[in-house]
Amino acid sequence: MPKVWLLRANFGEHTQRCVEGGFHGLGWDMGDCSSLHDRESLAKRWESVAPEQDSPTNRRAVIGIYARFLFEMEVGDWILTPDVNSRWLRYGRIAGNYRFESPDLAEDSCHYQHRRDVDWRPGQIDRREFSVPFQNTLKSNLTLFRVRHEQEFLTHIGEISPSPHLMSDKASSLRPHQLALERILLLDPAEFEQLVGHLLAAMGFEIEVTQPVADGGVDFRGVLNVSNAAQVSITGQVKRYQTSSKITARPIRDLRGRIPIGSQGTFVTTSDYTKDARRVAEEGGFARVGLINGEQLVDLLTQHWQEIPDEFQDTLGLKPILVPA
């Protein structure tokens, strides 16, 4: 299976240039690295050009990034890069080995001198449609790193036709999610609202679950204060739907109309969302509505299970387990 990499483009500043030019790259002034073949030679090169104030930690980081770009990436691997709006990812397949583009000869106004040709695919993909573990992987602050969820990515973009063996592995990995959702669906509506409230509290929100009677279509309100560095207010709704059903655009619009100015929306369901629902959640000129589907809900519960009150752990009768990657 080909590897999958994420290579940033300075907060998306150079993403469009890379896509239009059919390449991706790195921009440090290291000179032509075509003759370098291992980390030792990379280290010597960086020592010769590194700024005097360069720290040992930064030195190791730069060498690691170049080693991955020069020696570990291969033609046929897949590459992801965030767009200016980091929710969206551009993706393509590496189509060439390392090459050096002299900044004096570059015609694309991109200062990336160290390049690999990329066959970029049209359109973008939404990182929030992936599982929570996949999304967490993308949070790494490294410039270049390997994404360890190859099968999920390739399935998402329709590049693999699973063999019976892979289909069996996929089924075995999804079965725990389905079993957990079946248990969650046994909760009554008020209990489900409380469970989501406890989950959001475990994630750092100060949460108030509204009373079931006359709640106006709002199931909870919350505030996340990140050590006084930032504060996010949310207004949310939850829906216990069978996994075969999907949330349509109308409930998302209804929730959006109840979000106070300066707040965001959060919708949590045991099922999933239609394309129109996802489009409405991000419609310009309105408050954003974050969407959590059933599989992501189980991922988040697994991640924060020890912080869920004992009575809910006992009621659901679940425990986190390892599943095939």
C-alpha atoms as a PDB file:
ATOM      1  CA  MET A   1       0.000   0.000   0.000  1.00  0.00           C
ATOM      2  CA  PRO A   2       1.444   3.445  -0.889  1.00  0.00           C
ATOM      3  CA  LYS A   3       2.334   5.780   1.956  1.00  0.00           C
ATOM      4  CA  VAL A   4       0.368   8.958   2.679  1.00  0.00           C
ATOM      5  CA  TRP A   5       2.166  12.171   3.667  1.00  0.00           C
ATOM      6  CA  LEU A   6       1.084  15.615   4.805  1.00  0.00           C
ATOM      7  CA  LEU A   7       3.300  18.509   3.724  1.00  0.00           C
ATOM      8  CA  ARG A   8       2.295  21.991   4.824  1.00  0.00           C
ATOM      9  CA  ALA A   9       2.544  25.067   2.603  1.00  0.00           C
ATOM     10  CA  ASN A  10       3.017  27.908   5.107  1.00  0.00           C
ATOM     11  CA  PHE A  11      -0.617  27.968   6.297  1.00  0.00           C
ATOM     12  CA  GLY A  12      -1.785  27.397   2.731  1.00  0.00           C
ATOM     13  CA  GLU A  13       0.003  30.489   1.394  1.00  0.00           C
ATOM     14  CA  HIS A  14       1.732  28.507  -1.373  1.00  0.00           C
ATOM     15  CA  THR A  15      -0.867  25.743  -1.857  1.00  0.00           C
ATOM     16  CA  GLN A  16      -2.405  27.212  -4.991  1.00  0.00           C
ATOM     17  CA  ARG A  17       1.006  27.849  -6.590  1.00  0.00           C
ATOM     18  CA  CYS A  18       2.021  24.261  -5.895  1.00  0.00           C
ATOM     19  CA  VAL A  19      -1.206  22.855  -7.345  1.00  0.00           C
ATOM     20  CA  GLU A  20      -1.043  25.047 -10.452  1.00  0.00           C
ATOM     21  CA  GLY A  21       2.644  24.220 -10.939  1.00  0.00           C
ATOM     22  CA  GLY A  22       2.229  20.484 -10.382  1.00  0.00           C
ATOM     23  CA  PHE A  23       4.722  20.176  -7.528  1.00  0.00           C
ATOM     24  CA  HIS A  24       5.235  20.479  -3.786  1.00  0.00           C
ATOM     25  CA  GLY A  25       8.367  21.330  -1.895  1.00  0.00           C
ATOM     26  CA  LEU A  26      10.459  22.832   0.880  1.00  0.00           C
ATOM     27  CA  GLY A  27      11.913  26.292   1.084  1.00  0.00           C
ATOM     28  CA  TRP A  28      14.977  26.290   3.344  1.00  0.00           C
ATOM     29  CA  ASP A  29      18.172  27.572   1.724  1.00  0.00           C
ATOM     30  CA  MET A  30      20.123  24.313   1.628  1.00  0.00           C
ATOM     31  CA  GLY A  31      21.379  24.424  -1.948  1.00  0.00           C
ATOM     32  CA  ASP A  32      20.981  21.523  -4.348  1.00  0.00           C
ATOM     33  CA  CYS A  33      20.578  18.320  -2.304  1.00  0.00           C
ATOM     34  CA  SER A  34      20.680  15.893  -5.243  1.00  0.00           C
ATOM     35  CA  SER A  35      24.067  14.537  -4.174  1.00  0.00           C
ATOM     36  CA  LEU A  36      23.006  13.834  -0.576  1.00  0.00           C
ATOM     37  CA  HIS A  37      22.103  10.232   0.215  1.00  0.00           C
ATOM     38  CA  ASP A  38      21.733   9.887   4.004  1.00  0.00           C
ATOM     39  CA  ARG A  39      21.052  11.794   7.222  1.00  0.00           C
ATOM     40  CA  GLU A  40      24.748  12.250   7.949  1.00  0.00           C
ATOM     41  CA  SER A  41      25.325  14.153   4.729  1.00  0.00           C
ATOM     42  CA  LEU A  42      22.159  16.147   5.375  1.00  0.00           C
ATOM     43  CA  ALA A  43      23.389  17.075   8.844  1.00  0.00           C
ATOM     44  CA  LYS A  44      26.728  18.281   7.469  1.00  0.00           C
ATOM     45  CA  ARG A  45      24.979  20.371   4.818  1.00  0.00           C
ATOM     46  CA  TRP A  46      22.661  21.989   7.361  1.00  0.00           C
ATOM     47  CA  GLU A  47      25.580  22.695   9.689  1.00  0.00           C
ATOM     48  CA  SER A  48      27.216  24.620   6.870  1.00  0.00           C
ATOM     49  CA  VAL A  49      24.212  26.857   6.165  1.00  0.00           C
ATOM     50  CA  ALA A  50      22.226  26.975   9.431  1.00  0.00           C
ATOM     51  CA  PRO A  51      21.812  30.321  11.226  1.00  0.00           C
ATOM     52  CA  GLU A  52      24.125  30.841  14.175  1.00  0.00           C
ATOM     53  CA  GLN A  53      21.189  30.909  16.592  1.00  0.00           C
ATOM     54  CA  ASP A  54      19.862  27.569  15.344  1.00  0.00           C
ATOM     55  CA  SER A  55      19.093  25.290  18.303  1.00  0.00           C
ATOM     56  CA  PRO A  56      19.873  21.560  18.479  1.00  0.00           C
ATOM     57  CA  THR A  57      16.111  20.857  18.582  1.00  0.00           C
ATOM     58  CA  ASN A  58      15.464  22.829  15.406  1.00  0.00           C
ATOM     59  CA  ARG A  59      18.495  21.232  13.760  1.00  0.00           C
ATOM     60  CA  ARG A  60      17.123  17.741  14.363  1.00  0.00           C
ATOM     61  CA  ALA A  61      13.669  18.805  13.130  1.00  0.00           C
ATOM     62  CA  VAL A  62      14.988  20.252   9.861  1.00  0.00           C
ATOM     63  CA  ILE A  63      17.162  17.228   9.164  1.00  0.00           C
ATOM     64  CA  GLY A  64      14.209  14.915   9.841  1.00  0.00           C
ATOM     65  CA  ILE A  65      11.962  16.842   7.447  1.00  0.00           C
ATOM     66  CA  TYR A  66      14.566  16.779   4.670  1.00  0.00           C
ATOM     67  CA  ALA A  67      15.284  13.104   5.239  1.00  0.00           C
ATOM     68  CA  ARG A  68      11.605  12.281   4.775  1.00  0.00           C
ATOM     69  CA  PHE A  69      11.355  14.480   1.669  1.00  0.00           C
ATOM     70  CA  LEU A  70      14.537  13.203  -0.002  1.00  0.00           C
ATOM     71  CA  PHE A  71      14.844   9.588   1.131  1.00  0.00           C
ATOM     72  CA  GLU A  72      11.508   8.256   2.411  1.00  0.00           C
ATOM     73  CA  MET A  73       8.910   9.694   0.041  1.00  0.00           C
ATOM     74  CA  GLU A  74       8.544   7.630  -3.107  1.00  0.00           C
ATOM     75  CA  VAL A  75       6.978   8.038  -6.506  1.00  0.00           C
ATOM     76  CA  GLY A  76       3.426   6.708  -6.200  1.00  0.00           C
ATOM     77  CA  ASP A  77       2.939   7.853  -2.596  1.00  0.00           C
ATOM     78  CA  TRP A  78       0.063  10.215  -1.831  1.00  0.00           C
ATOM     79  CA  ILE A  79       0.511  13.729  -0.487  1.00  0.00           C
ATOM     80  CA  LEU A  80      -1.922  15.984   1.375  1.00  0.00           C
ATOM     81  CA  THR A  81      -1.573  19.708   1.953  1.00  0.00           C
ATOM     82  CA  PRO A  82      -3.929  22.106   3.777  1.00  0.00           C
ATOM     83  CA  ASP A  83      -5.468  24.936   1.800  1.00  0.00           C
ATOM     84  CA  VAL A  84      -5.721  28.502   3.125  1.00  0.00           C
ATOM     85  CA  ASN A  85      -8.845  27.396   4.965  1.00  0.00           C
ATOM     86  CA  SER A  86      -7.203  24.470   6.750  1.00  0.00           C
ATOM     87  CA  ARG A  87     -10.490  22.565   6.877  1.00  0.00           C
ATOM     88  CA  TRP A  88      -9.873  21.697   3.225  1.00  0.00           C
ATOM     89  CA  LEU A  89      -7.108  19.433   1.988  1.00  0.00           C
ATOM     90  CA  ARG A  90      -5.688  19.246  -1.509  1.00  0.00           C
ATOM     91  CA  TYR A  91      -4.285  15.868  -2.467  1.00  0.00           C
ATOM     92  CA  GLY A  92      -2.314  14.224  -5.215  1.00  0.00           C
ATOM     93  CA  ARG A  93       0.167  11.514  -6.067  1.00  0.00           C
ATOM     94  CA  ILE A  94       3.919  12.009  -6.083  1.00  0.00           C
ATOM     95  CA  ALA A  95       5.036  11.779  -9.712  1.00  0.00           C
ATOM     96  CA  GLY A  96       8.744  12.513  -9.551  1.00  0.00           C
ATOM     97  CA  ASN A  97      11.960  12.221  -7.596  1.00  0.00           C
ATOM     98  CA  TYR A  98      13.670  15.119  -5.855  1.00  0.00           C
ATOM     99  CA  ARG A  99      14.743  18.048  -8.010  1.00  0.00           C
ATOM    100  CA  PHE A 100      16.252  21.440  -7.219  1.00  0.00           C
ATOM    101  CA  GLU A 101      14.702  24.561  -8.720  1.00  0.00           C
ATOM    102  CA  SER A 102      17.065  27.520  -8.700  1.00  0.00           C
ATOM    103  CA  PRO A 103      15.248  30.555  -7.281  1.00  0.00           C
ATOM    104  CA  ASP A 104      16.702  32.615 -10.149  1.00  0.00           C
ATOM    105  CA  LEU A 105      15.010  30.397 -12.744  1.00  0.00           C
ATOM    106  CA  ALA A 106      11.661  29.704 -11.056  1.00  0.00           C
ATOM    107  CA  GLU A 107       8.743  31.199 -12.971  1.00  0.00           C
ATOM    108  CA  ASP A 108       5.985  30.505 -10.443  1.00  0.00           C
ATOM    109  CA  SER A 109       6.940  33.025  -7.698  1.00  0.00           C
ATOM    110  CA  CYS A 110       7.138  30.177  -5.188  1.00  0.00           C
ATOM    111  CA  HIS A 111      10.290  30.156  -3.088  1.00  0.00           C
ATOM    112  CA  TYR A 112      10.250  26.351  -2.655  1.00  0.00           C
ATOM    113  CA  GLN A 113      13.580  25.348  -4.179  1.00  0.00           C
ATOM    114  CA  HIS A 114      13.415  21.666  -3.209  1.00  0.00           C
ATOM    115  CA  ARG A 115      10.610  20.022  -5.177  1.00  0.00           C
ATOM    116  CA  ARG A 116       8.872  16.839  -6.178  1.00  0.00           C
ATOM    117  CA  ASP A 117       6.419  16.733  -9.060  1.00  0.00           C
ATOM    118  CA  VAL A 118       2.860  15.922  -7.948  1.00  0.00           C
ATOM    119  CA  ASP A 119      -0.156  14.809  -9.943  1.00  0.00           C
ATOM    120  CA  TRP A 120      -2.712  16.871  -8.022  1.00  0.00           C
ATOM    121  CA  ARG A 121      -6.304  15.649  -8.152  1.00  0.00           C
ATOM    122  CA  PRO A 122      -9.122  18.133  -8.830  1.00  0.00           C
ATOM    123  CA  GLY A 123     -11.177  19.416  -5.951  1.00  0.00           C
ATOM    124  CA  GLN A 124     -10.652  19.280  -2.200  1.00  0.00           C
ATOM    125  CA  ILE A 125     -11.529  16.922   0.618  1.00  0.00           C
ATOM    126  CA  ASP A 126     -12.968  17.902   3.980  1.00  0.00           C
ATOM    127  CA  ARG A 127     -10.769  16.715   6.841  1.00  0.00           C
ATOM    128  CA  ARG A 128     -13.808  16.548   9.143  1.00  0.00           C
ATOM    129  CA  GLU A 129     -15.304  13.694   7.156  1.00  0.00           C
ATOM    130  CA  PHE A 130     -12.509  11.431   8.434  1.00  0.00           C
ATOM    131  CA  SER A 131     -12.434   9.564  11.738  1.00  0.00           C
ATOM    132  CA  VAL A 132     -11.358  11.385  14.895  1.00  0.00           C
ATOM    133  CA  PRO A 133      -8.011   9.483  15.070  1.00  0.00           C
ATOM    134  CA  PHE A 134      -7.300  10.511  11.454  1.00  0.00           C
ATOM    135  CA  GLN A 135      -8.151  14.144  12.234  1.00  0.00           C
ATOM    136  CA  ASN A 136      -5.964  14.062  15.348  1.00  0.00           C
ATOM    137  CA  THR A 137      -3.032  12.832  13.268  1.00  0.00           C
ATOM    138  CA  LEU A 138      -3.302  15.946  11.095  1.00  0.00           C
ATOM    139  CA  LYS A 139      -2.815  18.203  14.128  1.00  0.00           C
ATOM    140  CA  SER A 140       0.920  17.496  14.255  1.00  0.00           C
ATOM    141  CA  ASN A 141       2.944  20.709  14.105  1.00  0.00           C
ATOM    142  CA  LEU A 142       5.577  19.117  11.875  1.00  0.00           C
ATOM    143  CA  THR A 143       6.022  20.539   8.382  1.00  0.00           C
ATOM    144  CA  LEU A 144       6.163  17.061   6.833  1.00  0.00           C
ATOM    145  CA  PHE A 145       5.026  13.784   8.377  1.00  0.00           C
ATOM    146  CA  ARG A 146       3.516  10.445   7.462  1.00  0.00           C
ATOM    147  CA  VAL A 147      -0.229   9.969   7.964  1.00  0.00           C
ATOM    148  CA  ARG A 148      -0.707   6.497   9.458  1.00  0.00           C
ATOM    149  CA  HIS A 149      -4.236   5.925   8.173  1.00  0.00           C
ATOM    150  CA  GLU A 150      -3.530   4.911   4.594  1.00  0.00           C
ATOM    151  CA  GLN A 151      -6.464   2.560   4.179  1.00  0.00           C
ATOM    152  CA  GLU A 152      -9.006   5.086   5.468  1.00  0.00           C
ATOM    153  CA  PHE A 153      -7.663   7.794   3.161  1.00  0.00           C
ATOM    154  CA  LEU A 154      -7.500   5.593   0.059  1.00  0.00           C
ATOM    155  CA  THR A 155     -10.988   4.252   0.721  1.00  0.00           C
ATOM    156  CA  HIS A 156     -12.306   7.798   1.144  1.00  0.00           C
ATOM    157  CA  ILE A 157     -10.978   8.953  -2.234  1.00  0.00           C
ATOM    158  CA  GLY A 158     -12.065   5.740  -3.958  1.00  0.00           C
ATOM    159  CA  GLU A 159      -8.571   4.522  -4.838  1.00  0.00           C
ATOM    160  CA  ILE A 160      -8.786   1.006  -3.423  1.00  0.00           C
ATOM    161  CA  SER A 161     -11.163  -1.837  -4.176  1.00  0.00           C
ATOM    162  CA  PRO A 162     -10.913  -3.890  -0.992  1.00  0.00           C
ATOM    163  CA  SER A 163     -10.071  -7.559  -1.346  1.00  0.00           C
ATOM    164  CA  PRO A 164     -12.163  -9.963   0.776  1.00  0.00           C
ATOM    165  CA  HIS A 165      -9.355  -9.923   3.330  1.00  0.00           C
ATOM    166  CA  LEU A 166      -9.350  -6.125   3.553  1.00  0.00           C
ATOM    167  CA  MET A 167     -13.126  -6.051   3.679  1.00  0.00           C
ATOM    168  CA  SER A 168     -13.004  -8.461   6.609  1.00  0.00           C
ATOM    169  CA  ASP A 169     -10.494  -6.218   8.388  1.00  0.00           C
ATOM    170  CA  LYS A 170     -12.663  -3.177   7.726  1.00  0.00           C
ATOM    171  CA  ALA A 171     -15.750  -4.932   9.025  1.00  0.00           C
ATOM    172  CA  SER A 172     -13.933  -6.029  12.158  1.00  0.00           C
ATOM    173  CA  SER A 173     -12.750  -2.475  12.825  1.00  0.00           C
ATOM    174  CA  LEU A 174     -16.221  -0.991  12.270  1.00  0.00           C
ATOM    175  CA  ARG A 175     -18.051  -3.607  14.325  1.00  0.00           C
ATOM    176  CA  PRO A 176     -16.999  -2.108  17.703  1.00  0.00           C
ATOM    177  CA  HIS A 177     -18.342   1.277  16.542  1.00  0.00           C
ATOM    178  CA  GLN A 178     -21.642  -0.331  15.576  1.00  0.00           C
ATOM    179  CA  LEU A 179     -21.908  -2.234  18.851  1.00  0.00           C
ATOM    180  CA  ALA A 180     -21.229   0.948  20.811  1.00  0.00           C
ATOM    181  CA  LEU A 181     -23.857   2.862  18.837  1.00  0.00           C
ATOM    182  CA  GLU A 182     -26.402   0.100  19.448  1.00  0.00           C
ATOM    183  CA  ARG A 183     -25.833   0.536  23.187  1.00  0.00           C
ATOM    184  CA  ILE A 184     -26.065   4.326  22.935  1.00  0.00           C
ATOM    185  CA  LEU A 185     -29.366   4.039  21.052  1.00  0.00           C
ATOM    186  CA  LEU A 186     -30.830   2.234  24.086  1.00  0.00           C
ATOM    187  CA  LEU A 187     -30.540   5.462  26.090  1.00  0.00           C
ATOM    188  CA  ASP A 188     -33.634   7.632  26.280  1.00  0.00           C
ATOM    189  CA  PRO A 189     -33.404  11.154  24.786  1.00  0.00           C
ATOM    190  CA  ALA A 190     -32.624  12.846  28.104  1.00  0.00           C
ATOM    191  CA  GLU A 191     -29.900  10.304  28.916  1.00  0.00           C
ATOM    192  CA  PHE A 192     -28.347  10.776  25.481  1.00  0.00           C
ATOM    193  CA  GLU A 193     -28.272  14.542  25.977  1.00  0.00           C
ATOM    194  CA  GLN A 194     -26.571  14.034  29.337  1.00  0.00           C
ATOM    195  CA  LEU A 195     -24.022  11.659  27.805  1.00  0.00           C
ATOM    196  CA  VAL A 196     -23.103  14.212  25.126  1.00  0.00           C
ATOM    197  CA  GLY A 197     -22.894  16.871  27.838  1.00  0.00           C
ATOM    198  CA  HIS A 198     -20.464  14.729  29.854  1.00  0.00           C
ATOM    199  CA  LEU A 199     -18.397  14.100  26.713  1.00  0.00           C
ATOM    200  CA  LEU A 200     -18.131  17.814  25.914  1.00  0.00           C
ATOM    201  CA  ALA A 201     -17.201  18.508  29.530  1.00  0.00           C
ATOM    202  CA  ALA A 202     -14.440  15.895  29.242  1.00  0.00           C
ATOM    203  CA  MET A 203     -13.232  17.747  26.137  1.00  0.00           C
ATOM    204  CA  GLY A 204     -12.874  20.929  28.178  1.00  0.00           C
ATOM    205  CA  PHE A 205     -16.227  22.702  27.792  1.00  0.00           C
ATOM    206  CA  GLU A 206     -18.245  24.113  30.644  1.00  0.00           C
ATOM    207  CA  ILE A 207     -21.622  22.673  29.639  1.00  0.00           C
ATOM    208  CA  GLU A 208     -25.245  23.351  30.541  1.00  0.00           C
ATOM    209  CA  VAL A 209     -27.748  20.769  29.289  1.00  0.00           C
ATOM    210  CA  THR A 210     -31.145  22.425  28.827  1.00  0.00           C
ATOM    211  CA  GLN A 211     -34.392  21.122  30.245  1.00  0.00           C
ATOM    212  CA  PRO A 212     -36.271  18.779  27.855  1.00  0.00           C
ATOM    213  CA  VAL A 213     -39.471  20.827  28.107  1.00  0.00           C
ATOM    214  CA  ALA A 214     -39.573  24.054  26.098  1.00  0.00           C
ATOM    215  CA  ASP A 215     -35.879  24.004  25.275  1.00  0.00           C
ATOM    216  CA  GLY A 216     -36.593  25.750  21.968  1.00  0.00           C
ATOM    217  CA  GLY A 217     -34.705  23.138  19.972  1.00  0.00           C
ATOM    218  CA  VAL A 218     -31.447  23.735  21.872  1.00  0.00           C
ATOM    219  CA  ASP A 219     -30.173  20.771  23.884  1.00  0.00           C
ATOM    220  CA  PHE A 220     -27.026  22.303  25.386  1.00  0.00           C
ATOM    221  CA  ARG A 221     -24.909  25.421  25.644  1.00  0.00           C
ATOM    222  CA  GLY A 222     -21.231  25.540  26.472  1.00  0.00           C
ATOM    223  CA  VAL A 223     -18.068  27.607  26.725  1.00  0.00           C
ATOM    224  CA  LEU A 224     -14.490  26.469  26.178  1.00  0.00           C
ATOM    225  CA  ASN A 225     -11.895  28.735  27.783  1.00  0.00           C
ATOM    226  CA  VAL A 226      -8.396  27.740  26.704  1.00  0.00           C
ATOM    227  CA  SER A 227      -6.284  29.095  29.559  1.00  0.00           C
ATOM    228  CA  ASN A 228      -7.522  32.618  28.758  1.00  0.00           C
ATOM    229  CA  ALA A 229      -5.839  32.414  25.352  1.00  0.00           C
ATOM    230  CA  ALA A 230      -9.124  31.850  23.514  1.00  0.00           C
ATOM    231  CA  GLN A 231     -12.790  31.325  24.281  1.00  0.00           C
ATOM    232  CA  VAL A 232     -15.381  29.500  22.182  1.00  0.00           C
ATOM    233  CA  SER A 233     -19.117  29.461  22.873  1.00  0.00           C
ATOM    234  CA  ILE A 234     -21.314  26.743  21.401  1.00  0.00           C
ATOM    235  CA  THR A 235     -25.050  26.117  21.129  1.00  0.00           C
ATOM    236  CA  GLY A 236     -25.977  22.556  20.254  1.00  0.00           C
ATOM    237  CA  GLN A 237     -28.473  19.873  19.489  1.00  0.00           C
ATOM    238  CA  VAL A 238     -28.352  16.068  19.615  1.00  0.00           C
ATOM    239  CA  LYS A 239     -30.349  13.472  17.681  1.00  0.00           C
ATOM    240  CA  ARG A 240     -30.574   9.731  18.335  1.00  0.00           C
ATOM    241  CA  TYR A 241     -31.150   8.378  14.848  1.00  0.00           C
ATOM    242  CA  GLN A 242     -30.754   4.835  13.618  1.00  0.00           C
ATOM    243  CA  THR A 243     -27.500   4.552  11.698  1.00  0.00           C
ATOM    244  CA  SER A 244     -29.425   3.875   8.484  1.00  0.00           C
ATOM    245  CA  SER A 245     -30.986   7.367   8.617  1.00  0.00           C
ATOM    246  CA  LYS A 246     -29.253  10.664   7.952  1.00  0.00           C
ATOM    247  CA  ILE A 247     -29.704  14.174   9.289  1.00  0.00           C
ATOM    248  CA  THR A 248     -31.007  16.447   6.529  1.00  0.00           C
ATOM    249  CA  ALA A 249     -30.408  20.165   6.002  1.00  0.00           C
ATOM    250  CA  ARG A 250     -33.561  21.331   7.792  1.00  0.00           C
ATOM    251  CA  PRO A 251     -32.499  20.506  11.394  1.00  0.00           C
ATOM    252  CA  ILE A 252     -29.172  22.210  10.734  1.00  0.00           C
ATOM    253  CA  ARG A 253     -30.963  25.361   9.531  1.00  0.00           C
ATOM    254  CA  ASP A 254     -33.284  25.234  12.542  1.00  0.00           C
ATOM    255  CA  LEU A 255     -30.335  25.056  14.937  1.00  0.00           C
ATOM    256  CA  ARG A 256     -28.470  27.776  13.076  1.00  0.00           C
ATOM    257  CA  GLY A 257     -31.395  30.130  13.581  1.00  0.00           C
ATOM    258  CA  ARG A 258     -31.104  29.696  17.368  1.00  0.00           C
ATOM    259  CA  ILE A 259     -27.378  30.402  17.678  1.00  0.00           C
ATOM    260  CA  PRO A 260     -26.635  33.702  19.467  1.00  0.00           C
ATOM    261  CA  ILE A 261     -24.338  36.251  17.831  1.00  0.00           C
ATOM    262  CA  GLY A 262     -20.712  35.378  18.554  1.00  0.00           C
ATOM    263  CA  SER A 263     -21.444  31.703  19.176  1.00  0.00           C
ATOM    264  CA  GLN A 264     -21.055  28.583  17.057  1.00  0.00           C
ATOM    265  CA  GLY A 265     -23.290  25.579  16.628  1.00  0.00           C
ATOM    266  CA  THR A 266     -22.624  21.916  17.362  1.00  0.00           C
ATOM    267  CA  PHE A 267     -24.803  19.046  16.129  1.00  0.00           C
ATOM    268  CA  VAL A 268     -24.238  15.515  17.441  1.00  0.00           C
ATOM    269  CA  THR A 269     -25.941  12.423  16.061  1.00  0.00           C
ATOM    270  CA  THR A 270     -25.635   8.655  16.193  1.00  0.00           C
ATOM    271  CA  SER A 271     -26.105   8.491  12.417  1.00  0.00           C
ATOM    272  CA  ASP A 272     -24.637  10.735   9.701  1.00  0.00           C
ATOM    273  CA  TYR A 273     -25.431  13.801   7.562  1.00  0.00           C
ATOM    274  CA  THR A 274     -26.572  14.340   3.997  1.00  0.00           C
ATOM    275  CA  LYS A 275     -24.432  16.394   1.614  1.00  0.00           C
ATOM    276  CA  ASP A 276     -26.970  19.234   1.826  1.00  0.00           C
ATOM    277  CA  ALA A 277     -26.740  19.190   5.627  1.00  0.00           C
ATOM    278  CA  ARG A 278     -22.960  19.500   5.458  1.00  0.00           C
ATOM    279  CA  ARG A 279     -23.262  22.316   2.931  1.00  0.00           C
ATOM    280  CA  VAL A 280     -25.718  24.254   5.118  1.00  0.00           C
ATOM    281  CA  ALA A 281     -23.474  23.789   8.173  1.00  0.00           C
ATOM    282  CA  GLU A 282     -20.735  25.757   6.387  1.00  0.00           C
ATOM    283  CA  GLU A 283     -22.879  28.229   4.440  1.00  0.00           C
ATOM    284  CA  GLY A 284     -21.274  31.663   4.290  1.00  0.00           C
ATOM    285  CA  GLY A 285     -22.791  34.559   6.204  1.00  0.00           C
ATOM    286  CA  PHE A 286     -24.127  32.366   9.027  1.00  0.00           C
ATOM    287  CA  ALA A 287     -22.779  30.916  12.248  1.00  0.00           C
ATOM    288  CA  ARG A 288     -20.741  27.773  11.683  1.00  0.00           C
ATOM    289  CA  VAL A 289     -22.291  24.489  12.798  1.00  0.00           C
ATOM    290  CA  GLY A 290     -19.839  21.723  13.675  1.00  0.00           C
ATOM    291  CA  LEU A 291     -21.058  18.224  12.833  1.00  0.00           C
ATOM    292  CA  ILE A 292     -20.215  15.037  14.772  1.00  0.00           C
ATOM    293  CA  ASN A 293     -21.529  11.790  13.295  1.00  0.00           C
ATOM    294  CA  GLY A 294     -21.984   8.421  14.968  1.00  0.00           C
ATOM    295  CA  GLU A 295     -18.554   6.977  14.219  1.00  0.00           C
ATOM    296  CA  GLN A 296     -16.841  10.181  15.361  1.00  0.00           C
ATOM    297  CA  LEU A 297     -18.982  10.182  18.518  1.00  0.00           C
ATOM    298  CA  VAL A 298     -17.713   6.706  19.388  1.00  0.00           C
ATOM    299  CA  ASP A 299     -14.117   7.780  18.639  1.00  0.00           C
ATOM    300  CA  LEU A 300     -14.484  10.735  21.022  1.00  0.00           C
ATOM    301  CA  LEU A 301     -16.083   8.606  23.729  1.00  0.00           C
ATOM    302  CA  THR A 302     -13.193   6.144  23.422  1.00  0.00           C
ATOM    303  CA  GLN A 303     -10.686   8.966  23.708  1.00  0.00           C
ATOM    304  CA  HIS A 304     -12.340  10.448  26.823  1.00  0.00           C
ATOM    305  CA  TRP A 305     -13.894   7.319  28.325  1.00  0.00           C
ATOM    306  CA  GLN A 306     -12.126   7.540  31.679  1.00  0.00           C
ATOM    307  CA  GLU A 307     -13.580  11.006  32.217  1.00  0.00           C
ATOM    308  CA  ILE A 308     -17.181   9.867  31.608  1.00  0.00           C
ATOM    309  CA  PRO A 309     -19.070   9.378  34.934  1.00  0.00           C
ATOM    310  CA  ASP A 310     -19.137   5.832  36.253  1.00  0.00           C
ATOM    311  CA  GLU A 311     -22.930   5.604  36.078  1.00  0.00           C
ATOM    312  CA  PHE A 312     -22.863   6.123  32.313  1.00  0.00           C
ATOM    313  CA  GLN A 313     -19.998   3.668  31.898  1.00  0.00           C
ATOM    314  CA  ASP A 314     -22.054   1.117  33.853  1.00  0.00           C
ATOM    315  CA  THR A 315     -25.255   1.864  31.919  1.00  0.00           C
ATOM    316  CA  LEU A 316     -23.596   1.486  28.524  1.00  0.00           C
ATOM    317  CA  GLY A 317     -21.535  -1.523  29.594  1.00  0.00           C
ATOM    318  CA  LEU A 318     -18.686  -0.618  27.230  1.00  0.00           C
ATOM    319  CA  LYS A 319     -14.926  -0.478  27.479  1.00  0.00           C
ATOM    320  CA  PRO A 320     -12.282   0.856  25.067  1.00  0.00           C
ATOM    321  CA  ILE A 321     -10.577  -1.811  22.955  1.00  0.00           C
ATOM    322  CA  LEU A 322      -7.935  -1.963  20.258  1.00  0.00           C
ATOM    323  CA  VAL A 323      -9.136  -2.662  16.722  1.00  0.00           C
ATOM    324  CA  PRO A 324      -7.162  -3.481  13.544  1.00  0.00           C
ATOM    325  CA  ALA A 325      -5.579  -0.373  12.022  1.00  0.00           C
END
